[in-house]
PDB file of N, CA and C in Angstrom:
ATOM      1  N   MET A   1     -26.371  94.370 150.816  1.00  0.00           N
ATOM      2  CA  MET A   1     -26.076  94.222 149.413  1.00  0.00           C
ATOM      3  C   MET A   1     -26.260  92.772 148.946  1.00  0.00           C
ATOM      4  N   TYR A   2     -25.868  91.820 149.781  1.00  0.00           N
ATOM      5  CA  TYR A   2     -26.001  90.415 149.440  1.00  0.00           C
ATOM      6  C   TYR A   2     -26.952  89.743 150.420  1.00  0.00           C
ATOM      7  N   ASP A   3     -28.156  90.254 150.530  1.00  0.00           N
ATOM      8  CA  ASP A   3     -29.103  89.790 151.540  1.00  0.00           C
ATOM      9  C   ASP A   3     -29.476  88.322 151.411  1.00  0.00           C
ATOM     10  N   ASP A   4     -29.561  87.812 150.182  1.00  0.00           N
ATOM     11  CA  ASP A   4     -29.980  86.424 149.998  1.00  0.00           C
ATOM     12  C   ASP A   4     -28.798  85.448 149.875  1.00  0.00           C
ATOM     13  N   LEU A   5     -27.573  85.957 150.025  1.00  0.00           N
ATOM     14  CA  LEU A   5     -26.388  85.116 149.900  1.00  0.00           C
ATOM     15  C   LEU A   5     -25.955  84.579 151.260  1.00  0.00           C
ATOM     16  N   ASP A   6     -25.661  83.287 151.317  1.00  0.00           N
ATOM     17  CA  ASP A   6     -25.107  82.683 152.524  1.00  0.00           C
ATOM     18  C   ASP A   6     -23.578  82.730 152.451  1.00  0.00           C
ATOM     19  N   PHE A   7     -23.020  82.101 151.423  1.00  0.00           N
ATOM     20  CA  PHE A   7     -21.575  82.106 151.234  1.00  0.00           C
ATOM     21  C   PHE A   7     -21.245  81.769 149.788  1.00  0.00           C
ATOM     22  N   VAL A   8     -19.974  81.883 149.445  1.00  0.00           N
ATOM     23  CA  VAL A   8     -19.479  81.570 148.113  1.00  0.00           C
ATOM     24  C   VAL A   8     -18.353  80.558 148.260  1.00  0.00           C
ATOM     25  N   ASP A   9     -18.385  79.501 147.447  1.00  0.00           N
ATOM     26  CA  ASP A   9     -17.275  78.550 147.375  1.00  0.00           C
ATOM     27  C   ASP A   9     -16.352  78.978 146.250  1.00  0.00           C
ATOM     28  N   ILE A  10     -15.047  78.975 146.528  1.00  0.00           N
ATOM     29  CA  ILE A  10     -14.049  79.268 145.508  1.00  0.00           C
ATOM     30  C   ILE A  10     -13.103  78.071 145.434  1.00  0.00           C
ATOM     31  N   ASP A  11     -13.082  77.439 144.282  1.00  0.00           N
ATOM     32  CA  ASP A  11     -12.155  76.337 144.009  1.00  0.00           C
ATOM     33  C   ASP A  11     -11.180  76.837 142.950  1.00  0.00           C
ATOM     34  N   TYR A  12      -9.904  76.510 143.122  1.00  0.00           N
ATOM     35  CA  TYR A  12      -8.925  77.024 142.171  1.00  0.00           C
ATOM     36  C   TYR A  12      -7.764  76.059 141.980  1.00  0.00           C
ATOM     37  N   ILE A  13      -7.073  76.279 140.860  1.00  0.00           N
ATOM     38  CA  ILE A  13      -5.820  75.591 140.565  1.00  0.00           C
ATOM     39  C   ILE A  13      -4.836  76.658 140.110  1.00  0.00           C
ATOM     40  N   LEU A  14      -3.650  76.670 140.717  1.00  0.00           N
ATOM     41  CA  LEU A  14      -2.581  77.575 140.303  1.00  0.00           C
ATOM     42  C   LEU A  14      -1.627  76.827 139.369  1.00  0.00           C
ATOM     43  N   TYR A  15      -1.239  77.502 138.302  1.00  0.00           N
ATOM     44  CA  TYR A  15      -0.326  76.931 137.324  1.00  0.00           C
ATOM     45  C   TYR A  15       0.909  77.816 137.172  1.00  0.00           C
ATOM     46  N   GLU A  16       2.055  77.179 137.012  1.00  0.00           N
ATOM     47  CA  GLU A  16       3.269  77.862 136.580  1.00  0.00           C
ATOM     48  C   GLU A  16       3.457  77.449 135.136  1.00  0.00           C
ATOM     49  N   ALA A  17       3.340  78.407 134.241  1.00  0.00           N
ATOM     50  CA  ALA A  17       3.300  78.130 132.803  1.00  0.00           C
ATOM     51  C   ALA A  17       2.183  77.103 132.572  1.00  0.00           C
ATOM     52  N   LEU A  18       2.496  75.904 132.129  1.00  0.00           N
ATOM     53  CA  LEU A  18       1.462  74.893 131.881  1.00  0.00           C
ATOM     54  C   LEU A  18       1.424  73.812 132.950  1.00  0.00           C
ATOM     55  N   HIS A  19       2.199  73.980 134.011  1.00  0.00           N
ATOM     56  CA  HIS A  19       2.316  72.951 135.039  1.00  0.00           C
ATOM     57  C   HIS A  19       1.475  73.277 136.265  1.00  0.00           C
ATOM     58  N   GLU A  20       0.600  72.353 136.620  1.00  0.00           N
ATOM     59  CA  GLU A  20      -0.233  72.526 137.814  1.00  0.00           C
ATOM     60  C   GLU A  20       0.661  72.505 139.048  1.00  0.00           C
ATOM     61  N   ARG A  21       0.513  73.510 139.919  1.00  0.00           N
ATOM     62  CA  ARG A  21       1.360  73.596 141.107  1.00  0.00           C
ATOM     63  C   ARG A  21       0.594  73.487 142.418  1.00  0.00           C
ATOM     64  N   LYS A  22      -0.659  73.962 142.453  1.00  0.00           N
ATOM     65  CA  LYS A  22      -1.398  73.939 143.717  1.00  0.00           C
ATOM     66  C   LYS A  22      -2.895  73.974 143.450  1.00  0.00           C
ATOM     67  N   LYS A  23      -3.625  73.125 144.200  1.00  0.00           N
ATOM     68  CA  LYS A  23      -5.091  73.166 144.186  1.00  0.00           C
ATOM     69  C   LYS A  23      -5.543  73.682 145.544  1.00  0.00           C
ATOM     70  N   GLY A  24      -6.659  74.376 145.536  1.00  0.00           N
ATOM     71  CA  GLY A  24      -7.187  74.858 146.802  1.00  0.00           C
ATOM     72  C   GLY A  24      -8.658  75.194 146.700  1.00  0.00           C
ATOM     73  N   SER A  25      -9.265  75.404 147.844  1.00  0.00           N
ATOM     74  CA  SER A  25     -10.657  75.846 147.897  1.00  0.00           C
ATOM     75  C   SER A  25     -10.881  76.538 149.235  1.00  0.00           C
ATOM     76  N   PHE A  26     -11.819  77.457 149.235  1.00  0.00           N
ATOM     77  CA  PHE A  26     -12.192  78.137 150.462  1.00  0.00           C
ATOM     78  C   PHE A  26     -13.574  78.756 150.320  1.00  0.00           C
ATOM     79  N   LYS A  27     -14.151  79.132 151.452  1.00  0.00           N
ATOM     80  CA  LYS A  27     -15.460  79.772 151.489  1.00  0.00           C
ATOM     81  C   LYS A  27     -15.289  81.239 151.851  1.00  0.00           C
ATOM     82  N   VAL A  28     -16.136  82.074 151.277  1.00  0.00           N
ATOM     83  CA  VAL A  28     -16.177  83.490 151.626  1.00  0.00           C
ATOM     84  C   VAL A  28     -17.610  83.799 152.028  1.00  0.00           C
ATOM     85  N   ARG A  29     -17.785  84.305 153.231  1.00  0.00           N
ATOM     86  CA  ARG A  29     -19.112  84.708 153.706  1.00  0.00           C
ATOM     87  C   ARG A  29     -19.523  86.018 153.038  1.00  0.00           C
ATOM     88  N   ALA A  30     -20.809  86.268 152.972  1.00  0.00           N
ATOM     89  CA  ALA A  30     -21.343  87.445 152.291  1.00  0.00           C
ATOM     90  C   ALA A  30     -20.725  88.734 152.813  1.00  0.00           C
ATOM     91  N   TYR A  31     -20.522  88.849 154.125  1.00  0.00           N
ATOM     92  CA  TYR A  31     -19.996  90.083 154.692  1.00  0.00           C
ATOM     93  C   TYR A  31     -18.506  90.298 154.386  1.00  0.00           C
ATOM     94  N   SER A  32     -17.822  89.283 153.853  1.00  0.00           N
ATOM     95  CA  SER A  32     -16.393  89.399 153.558  1.00  0.00           C
ATOM     96  C   SER A  32     -16.093  89.672 152.087  1.00  0.00           C
ATOM     97  N   ILE A  33     -17.097  89.678 151.243  1.00  0.00           N
ATOM     98  CA  ILE A  33     -16.873  89.897 149.816  1.00  0.00           C
ATOM     99  C   ILE A  33     -16.343  91.316 149.620  1.00  0.00           C
ATOM    100  N   GLY A  34     -15.293  91.423 148.837  1.00  0.00           N
ATOM    101  CA  GLY A  34     -14.652  92.710 148.611  1.00  0.00           C
ATOM    102  C   GLY A  34     -13.481  92.955 149.550  1.00  0.00           C
ATOM    103  N   SER A  35     -13.272  92.053 150.485  1.00  0.00           N
ATOM    104  CA  SER A  35     -12.145  92.190 151.408  1.00  0.00           C
ATOM    105  C   SER A  35     -10.961  91.385 150.887  1.00  0.00           C
ATOM    106  N   GLN A  36      -9.926  91.300 151.678  1.00  0.00           N
ATOM    107  CA  GLN A  36      -8.736  90.531 151.319  1.00  0.00           C
ATOM    108  C   GLN A  36      -9.025  89.038 151.195  1.00  0.00           C
ATOM    109  N   GLU A  37     -10.183  88.593 151.665  1.00  0.00           N
ATOM    110  CA  GLU A  37     -10.512  87.163 151.626  1.00  0.00           C
ATOM    111  C   GLU A  37     -10.751  86.632 150.218  1.00  0.00           C
ATOM    112  N   CYS A  38     -10.865  87.514 149.235  1.00  0.00           N
ATOM    113  CA  CYS A  38     -11.095  87.087 147.852  1.00  0.00           C
ATOM    114  C   CYS A  38      -9.801  87.085 147.039  1.00  0.00           C
ATOM    115  N   ILE A  39      -8.657  87.144 147.722  1.00  0.00           N
ATOM    116  CA  ILE A  39      -7.360  87.167 147.043  1.00  0.00           C
ATOM    117  C   ILE A  39      -6.636  85.841 147.274  1.00  0.00           C
ATOM    118  N   VAL A  40      -6.157  85.240 146.182  1.00  0.00           N
ATOM    119  CA  VAL A  40      -5.332  84.037 146.244  1.00  0.00           C
ATOM    120  C   VAL A  40      -3.908  84.480 145.919  1.00  0.00           C
ATOM    121  N   GLN A  41      -2.984  84.208 146.809  1.00  0.00           N
ATOM    122  CA  GLN A  41      -1.601  84.635 146.622  1.00  0.00           C
ATOM    123  C   GLN A  41      -0.930  83.880 145.478  1.00  0.00           C
ATOM    124  N   CYS A  42      -0.127  84.600 144.698  1.00  0.00           N
ATOM    125  CA  CYS A  42       0.708  83.965 143.691  1.00  0.00           C
ATOM    126  C   CYS A  42       1.791  83.193 144.441  1.00  0.00           C
ATOM    127  N   GLU A  43       2.019  81.964 144.038  1.00  0.00           N
ATOM    128  CA  GLU A  43       2.985  81.102 144.725  1.00  0.00           C
ATOM    129  C   GLU A  43       4.423  81.300 144.242  1.00  0.00           C
ATOM    130  N   ASN A  44       4.626  82.139 143.253  1.00  0.00           N
ATOM    131  CA  ASN A  44       5.973  82.421 142.762  1.00  0.00           C
ATOM    132  C   ASN A  44       6.650  83.363 143.749  1.00  0.00           C
ATOM    133  N   ARG A  45       7.645  82.903 144.466  1.00  0.00           N
ATOM    134  CA  ARG A  45       8.247  83.700 145.540  1.00  0.00           C
ATOM    135  C   ARG A  45       8.974  84.942 145.043  1.00  0.00           C
ATOM    136  N   SER A  46       9.315  85.005 143.764  1.00  0.00           N
ATOM    137  CA  SER A  46       9.978  86.199 143.247  1.00  0.00           C
ATOM    138  C   SER A  46       9.024  87.145 142.520  1.00  0.00           C
ATOM    139  N   CYS A  47       7.729  86.913 142.635  1.00  0.00           N
ATOM    140  CA  CYS A  47       6.719  87.738 141.956  1.00  0.00           C
ATOM    141  C   CYS A  47       6.396  88.970 142.804  1.00  0.00           C
ATOM    142  N   THR A  48       6.211  90.105 142.139  1.00  0.00           N
ATOM    143  CA  THR A  48       5.886  91.352 142.827  1.00  0.00           C
ATOM    144  C   THR A  48       4.382  91.561 143.002  1.00  0.00           C
ATOM    145  N   SER A  49       3.583  90.660 142.479  1.00  0.00           N
ATOM    146  CA  SER A  49       2.119  90.787 142.556  1.00  0.00           C
ATOM    147  C   SER A  49       1.614  90.550 143.975  1.00  0.00           C
ATOM    148  N   LYS A  50       0.463  91.117 144.266  1.00  0.00           N
ATOM    149  CA  LYS A  50      -0.194  90.862 145.554  1.00  0.00           C
ATOM    150  C   LYS A  50      -1.114  89.651 145.474  1.00  0.00           C
ATOM    151  N   GLY A  51      -1.153  89.021 144.319  1.00  0.00           N
ATOM    152  CA  GLY A  51      -1.972  87.828 144.165  1.00  0.00           C
ATOM    153  C   GLY A  51      -3.078  88.023 143.153  1.00  0.00           C
ATOM    154  N   PHE A  52      -3.958  87.038 143.107  1.00  0.00           N
ATOM    155  CA  PHE A  52      -5.079  87.026 142.174  1.00  0.00           C
ATOM    156  C   PHE A  52      -6.319  87.505 142.911  1.00  0.00           C
ATOM    157  N   ASP A  53      -6.782  88.702 142.596  1.00  0.00           N
ATOM    158  CA  ASP A  53      -7.957  89.270 143.253  1.00  0.00           C
ATOM    159  C   ASP A  53      -9.204  88.788 142.517  1.00  0.00           C
ATOM    160  N   LEU A  54      -9.997  87.972 143.193  1.00  0.00           N
ATOM    161  CA  LEU A  54     -11.204  87.396 142.594  1.00  0.00           C
ATOM    162  C   LEU A  54     -12.472  88.148 142.988  1.00  0.00           C
ATOM    163  N   SER A  55     -12.336  89.337 143.565  1.00  0.00           N
ATOM    164  CA  SER A  55     -13.500  90.104 144.036  1.00  0.00           C
ATOM    165  C   SER A  55     -14.511  90.373 142.925  1.00  0.00           C
ATOM    166  N   PHE A  56     -14.039  90.801 141.761  1.00  0.00           N
ATOM    167  CA  PHE A  56     -14.939  91.099 140.646  1.00  0.00           C
ATOM    168  C   PHE A  56     -15.675  89.832 140.207  1.00  0.00           C
ATOM    169  N   GLU A  57     -14.947  88.735 140.118  1.00  0.00           N
ATOM    170  CA  GLU A  57     -15.538  87.470 139.698  1.00  0.00           C
ATOM    171  C   GLU A  57     -16.553  86.964 140.728  1.00  0.00           C
ATOM    172  N   VAL A  58     -16.248  87.137 142.006  1.00  0.00           N
ATOM    173  CA  VAL A  58     -17.191  86.757 143.070  1.00  0.00           C
ATOM    174  C   VAL A  58     -18.453  87.603 142.966  1.00  0.00           C
ATOM    175  N   HIS A  59     -18.294  88.901 142.783  1.00  0.00           N
ATOM    176  CA  HIS A  59     -19.452  89.791 142.642  1.00  0.00           C
ATOM    177  C   HIS A  59     -20.307  89.371 141.440  1.00  0.00           C
ATOM    178  N   HIS A  60     -19.662  89.024 140.340  1.00  0.00           N
ATOM    179  CA  HIS A  60     -20.395  88.581 139.143  1.00  0.00           C
ATOM    180  C   HIS A  60     -21.181  87.297 139.425  1.00  0.00           C
ATOM    181  N   ALA A  61     -20.551  86.341 140.107  1.00  0.00           N
ATOM    182  CA  ALA A  61     -21.238  85.079 140.434  1.00  0.00           C
ATOM    183  C   ALA A  61     -22.442  85.330 141.329  1.00  0.00           C
ATOM    184  N   VAL A  62     -22.273  86.223 142.306  1.00  0.00           N
ATOM    185  CA  VAL A  62     -23.358  86.510 143.253  1.00  0.00           C
ATOM    186  C   VAL A  62     -24.496  87.259 142.558  1.00  0.00           C
ATOM    187  N   SER A  63     -24.152  88.260 141.771  1.00  0.00           N
ATOM    188  CA  SER A  63     -25.207  89.058 141.125  1.00  0.00           C
ATOM    189  C   SER A  63     -25.972  88.249 140.080  1.00  0.00           C
ATOM    190  N   SER A  64     -25.299  87.314 139.411  1.00  0.00           N
ATOM    191  CA  SER A  64     -25.983  86.487 138.409  1.00  0.00           C
ATOM    192  C   SER A  64     -26.612  85.236 139.032  1.00  0.00           C
ATOM    193  N   LYS A  65     -26.227  84.952 140.296  1.00  0.00           N
ATOM    194  CA  LYS A  65     -26.698  83.764 141.018  1.00  0.00           C
ATOM    195  C   LYS A  65     -26.369  82.484 140.253  1.00  0.00           C
ATOM    196  N   LYS A  66     -25.202  82.508 139.600  1.00  0.00           N
ATOM    197  CA  LYS A  66     -24.755  81.366 138.813  1.00  0.00           C
ATOM    198  C   LYS A  66     -23.285  81.081 139.085  1.00  0.00           C
ATOM    199  N   GLU A  67     -22.895  79.848 138.826  1.00  0.00           N
ATOM    200  CA  GLU A  67     -21.498  79.470 138.925  1.00  0.00           C
ATOM    201  C   GLU A  67     -20.702  80.191 137.836  1.00  0.00           C
ATOM    202  N   VAL A  68     -19.540  80.691 138.213  1.00  0.00           N
ATOM    203  CA  VAL A  68     -18.669  81.413 137.289  1.00  0.00           C
ATOM    204  C   VAL A  68     -17.312  80.718 137.285  1.00  0.00           C
ATOM    205  N   TYR A  69     -16.727  80.568 136.117  1.00  0.00           N
ATOM    206  CA  TYR A  69     -15.397  79.966 136.039  1.00  0.00           C
ATOM    207  C   TYR A  69     -14.564  80.746 135.035  1.00  0.00           C
ATOM    208  N   GLY A  70     -13.254  80.644 135.179  1.00  0.00           N
ATOM    209  CA  GLY A  70     -12.384  81.356 134.258  1.00  0.00           C
ATOM    210  C   GLY A  70     -10.926  81.208 134.610  1.00  0.00           C
ATOM    211  N   LYS A  71     -10.130  82.082 134.008  1.00  0.00           N
ATOM    212  CA  LYS A  71      -8.679  82.039 134.151  1.00  0.00           C
ATOM    213  C   LYS A  71      -8.186  83.477 134.237  1.00  0.00           C
ATOM    214  N   ILE A  72      -7.223  83.723 135.126  1.00  0.00           N
ATOM    215  CA  ILE A  72      -6.609  85.039 135.262  1.00  0.00           C
ATOM    216  C   ILE A  72      -5.091  84.855 135.227  1.00  0.00           C
ATOM    217  N   LEU A  73      -4.430  85.653 134.406  1.00  0.00           N
ATOM    218  CA  LEU A  73      -2.971  85.655 134.356  1.00  0.00           C
ATOM    219  C   LEU A  73      -2.430  86.543 135.469  1.00  0.00           C
ATOM    220  N   CYS A  74      -1.302  86.168 136.040  1.00  0.00           N
ATOM    221  CA  CYS A  74      -0.683  86.986 137.078  1.00  0.00           C
ATOM    222  C   CYS A  74      -0.202  88.299 136.456  1.00  0.00           C
ATOM    223  N   LYS A  75      -0.431  89.400 137.156  1.00  0.00           N
ATOM    224  CA  LYS A  75      -0.043  90.723 136.662  1.00  0.00           C
ATOM    225  C   LYS A  75       1.308  91.171 137.194  1.00  0.00           C
ATOM    226  N   GLY A  76       1.946  90.299 137.976  1.00  0.00           N
ATOM    227  CA  GLY A  76       3.223  90.657 138.587  1.00  0.00           C
ATOM    228  C   GLY A  76       4.415  90.507 137.659  1.00  0.00           C
ATOM    229  N   LYS A  77       5.506  91.073 138.111  1.00  0.00           N
ATOM    230  CA  LYS A  77       6.808  90.945 137.447  1.00  0.00           C
ATOM    231  C   LYS A  77       7.718  90.150 138.373  1.00  0.00           C
ATOM    232  N   LEU A  78       8.782  89.607 137.819  1.00  0.00           N
ATOM    233  CA  LEU A  78       9.748  88.890 138.636  1.00  0.00           C
ATOM    234  C   LEU A  78      10.694  89.912 139.260  1.00  0.00           C
ATOM    235  N   ASP A  79      10.804  89.857 140.571  1.00  0.00           N
ATOM    236  CA  ASP A  79      11.573  90.824 141.339  1.00  0.00           C
ATOM    237  C   ASP A  79      13.066  90.639 141.094  1.00  0.00           C
ATOM    238  N   SER A  80      13.768  91.739 140.801  1.00  0.00           N
ATOM    239  CA  SER A  80      15.192  91.670 140.468  1.00  0.00           C
ATOM    240  C   SER A  80      16.088  91.350 141.658  1.00  0.00           C
ATOM    241  N   LYS A  81      15.544  91.367 142.887  1.00  0.00           N
ATOM    242  CA  LYS A  81      16.395  91.063 144.039  1.00  0.00           C
ATOM    243  C   LYS A  81      16.704  89.570 144.152  1.00  0.00           C
ATOM    244  N   TYR A  82      15.979  88.726 143.410  1.00  0.00           N
ATOM    245  CA  TYR A  82      16.240  87.295 143.452  1.00  0.00           C
ATOM    246  C   TYR A  82      17.220  86.910 142.349  1.00  0.00           C
ATOM    247  N   LYS A  83      18.116  86.028 142.665  1.00  0.00           N
ATOM    248  CA  LYS A  83      19.131  85.578 141.713  1.00  0.00           C
ATOM    249  C   LYS A  83      18.476  85.021 140.452  1.00  0.00           C
ATOM    250  N   GLY A  84      18.914  85.505 139.335  1.00  0.00           N
ATOM    251  CA  GLY A  84      18.398  85.012 138.070  1.00  0.00           C
ATOM    252  C   GLY A  84      17.127  85.702 137.585  1.00  0.00           C
ATOM    253  N   ALA A  85      16.560  86.604 138.369  1.00  0.00           N
ATOM    254  CA  ALA A  85      15.334  87.294 137.958  1.00  0.00           C
ATOM    255  C   ALA A  85      15.664  88.317 136.868  1.00  0.00           C
ATOM    256  N   THR A  86      14.790  88.440 135.907  1.00  0.00           N
ATOM    257  CA  THR A  86      15.056  89.309 134.760  1.00  0.00           C
ATOM    258  C   THR A  86      14.091  90.485 134.674  1.00  0.00           C
ATOM    259  N   GLY A  87      13.136  90.584 135.583  1.00  0.00           N
ATOM    260  CA  GLY A  87      12.140  91.646 135.492  1.00  0.00           C
ATOM    261  C   GLY A  87      11.033  91.321 134.514  1.00  0.00           C
ATOM    262  N   GLN A  88      11.013  90.105 134.009  1.00  0.00           N
ATOM    263  CA  GLN A  88       9.981  89.705 133.065  1.00  0.00           C
ATOM    264  C   GLN A  88       8.662  89.465 133.791  1.00  0.00           C
ATOM    265  N   SER A  89       7.609  89.297 133.028  1.00  0.00           N
ATOM    266  CA  SER A  89       6.293  89.033 133.603  1.00  0.00           C
ATOM    267  C   SER A  89       6.265  87.663 134.264  1.00  0.00           C
ATOM    268  N   CYS A  90       5.499  87.562 135.342  1.00  0.00           N
ATOM    269  CA  CYS A  90       5.307  86.287 136.030  1.00  0.00           C
ATOM    270  C   CYS A  90       4.520  85.365 135.101  1.00  0.00           C
ATOM    271  N   ASP A  91       4.886  84.085 135.082  1.00  0.00           N
ATOM    272  CA  ASP A  91       4.221  83.142 134.168  1.00  0.00           C
ATOM    273  C   ASP A  91       3.204  82.247 134.870  1.00  0.00           C
ATOM    274  N   TRP A  92       2.734  82.671 136.035  1.00  0.00           N
ATOM    275  CA  TRP A  92       1.719  81.908 136.758  1.00  0.00           C
ATOM    276  C   TRP A  92       0.327  82.392 136.364  1.00  0.00           C
ATOM    277  N   HIS A  93      -0.656  81.495 136.493  1.00  0.00           N
ATOM    278  CA  HIS A  93      -2.052  81.883 136.309  1.00  0.00           C
ATOM    279  C   HIS A  93      -2.925  81.019 137.208  1.00  0.00           C
ATOM    280  N   ILE A  94      -4.163  81.456 137.345  1.00  0.00           N
ATOM    281  CA  ILE A  94      -5.131  80.740 138.170  1.00  0.00           C
ATOM    282  C   ILE A  94      -6.341  80.391 137.312  1.00  0.00           C
ATOM    283  N   GLU A  95      -6.856  79.186 137.513  1.00  0.00           N
ATOM    284  CA  GLU A  95      -8.148  78.790 136.952  1.00  0.00           C
ATOM    285  C   GLU A  95      -9.073  78.595 138.141  1.00  0.00           C
ATOM    286  N   TYR A  96     -10.280  79.122 138.057  1.00  0.00           N
ATOM    287  CA  TYR A  96     -11.166  79.139 139.217  1.00  0.00           C
ATOM    288  C   TYR A  96     -12.594  78.762 138.848  1.00  0.00           C
ATOM    289  N   VAL A  97     -13.319  78.301 139.863  1.00  0.00           N
ATOM    290  CA  VAL A  97     -14.765  78.085 139.791  1.00  0.00           C
ATOM    291  C   VAL A  97     -15.336  78.724 141.050  1.00  0.00           C
ATOM    292  N   ILE A  98     -16.276  79.627 140.877  1.00  0.00           N
ATOM    293  CA  ILE A  98     -16.903  80.330 141.998  1.00  0.00           C
ATOM    294  C   ILE A  98     -18.384  79.975 142.010  1.00  0.00           C
ATOM    295  N   THR A  99     -18.837  79.423 143.141  1.00  0.00           N
ATOM    296  CA  THR A  99     -20.216  78.962 143.263  1.00  0.00           C
ATOM    297  C   THR A  99     -20.909  79.697 144.403  1.00  0.00           C
ATOM    298  N   PRO A 100     -21.927  80.517 144.095  1.00  0.00           N
ATOM    299  CA  PRO A 100     -22.670  81.187 145.166  1.00  0.00           C
ATOM    300  C   PRO A 100     -23.700  80.245 145.786  1.00  0.00           C
ATOM    301  N   HIS A 101     -23.850  80.335 147.094  1.00  0.00           N
ATOM    302  CA  HIS A 101     -24.857  79.542 147.825  1.00  0.00           C
ATOM    303  C   HIS A 101     -25.811  80.514 148.500  1.00  0.00           C
ATOM    304  N   LEU A 102     -27.071  80.431 148.110  1.00  0.00           N
ATOM    305  CA  LEU A 102     -28.083  81.338 148.647  1.00  0.00           C
ATOM    306  C   LEU A 102     -28.655  80.799 149.948  1.00  0.00           C
ATOM    307  N   LYS A 103     -29.176  81.712 150.757  1.00  0.00           N
ATOM    308  CA  LYS A 103     -29.804  81.310 152.022  1.00  0.00           C
ATOM    309  C   LYS A 103     -31.068  80.512 151.723  1.00  0.00           C
ATOM    310  N   GLU A 104     -31.344  79.572 152.590  1.00  0.00           N
ATOM    311  CA  GLU A 104     -32.569  78.800 152.446  1.00  0.00           C
ATOM    312  C   GLU A 104     -33.767  79.647 152.834  1.00  0.00           C
ATOM    313  N   VAL A 105     -34.849  79.534 152.077  1.00  0.00           N
ATOM    314  CA  VAL A 105     -36.080  80.265 152.363  1.00  0.00           C
ATOM    315  C   VAL A 105     -36.897  79.418 153.338  1.00  0.00           C
ATOM    316  N   ARG A 106     -37.320  80.042 154.426  1.00  0.00           N
ATOM    317  CA  ARG A 106     -38.097  79.304 155.433  1.00  0.00           C
ATOM    318  C   ARG A 106     -39.533  79.709 155.404  1.00  0.00           C
TER     319      ARG A 106
END
């Protein structure tokens, strides 16, 4: 499916409301696209979300062979088992840049 793709770089920043909390980056090899490797965990310990799934965005970057950037809001709720949690929506989001790297032609 991704015959000409070598790997994808994913750079991201996690925010709590408007405050930057974590920067990160990682590589995803072509054979791992669509797996758990395209998920960035929400850092809010009381969030019920499984994280930010960037699989669709990675697929878009690869199919267009262009850098893709954007923002995704967390879809989780605050878990009521933690003190002070109200069941409201998680206020974290991710901003990302996804860069596909194609194999060199020999």
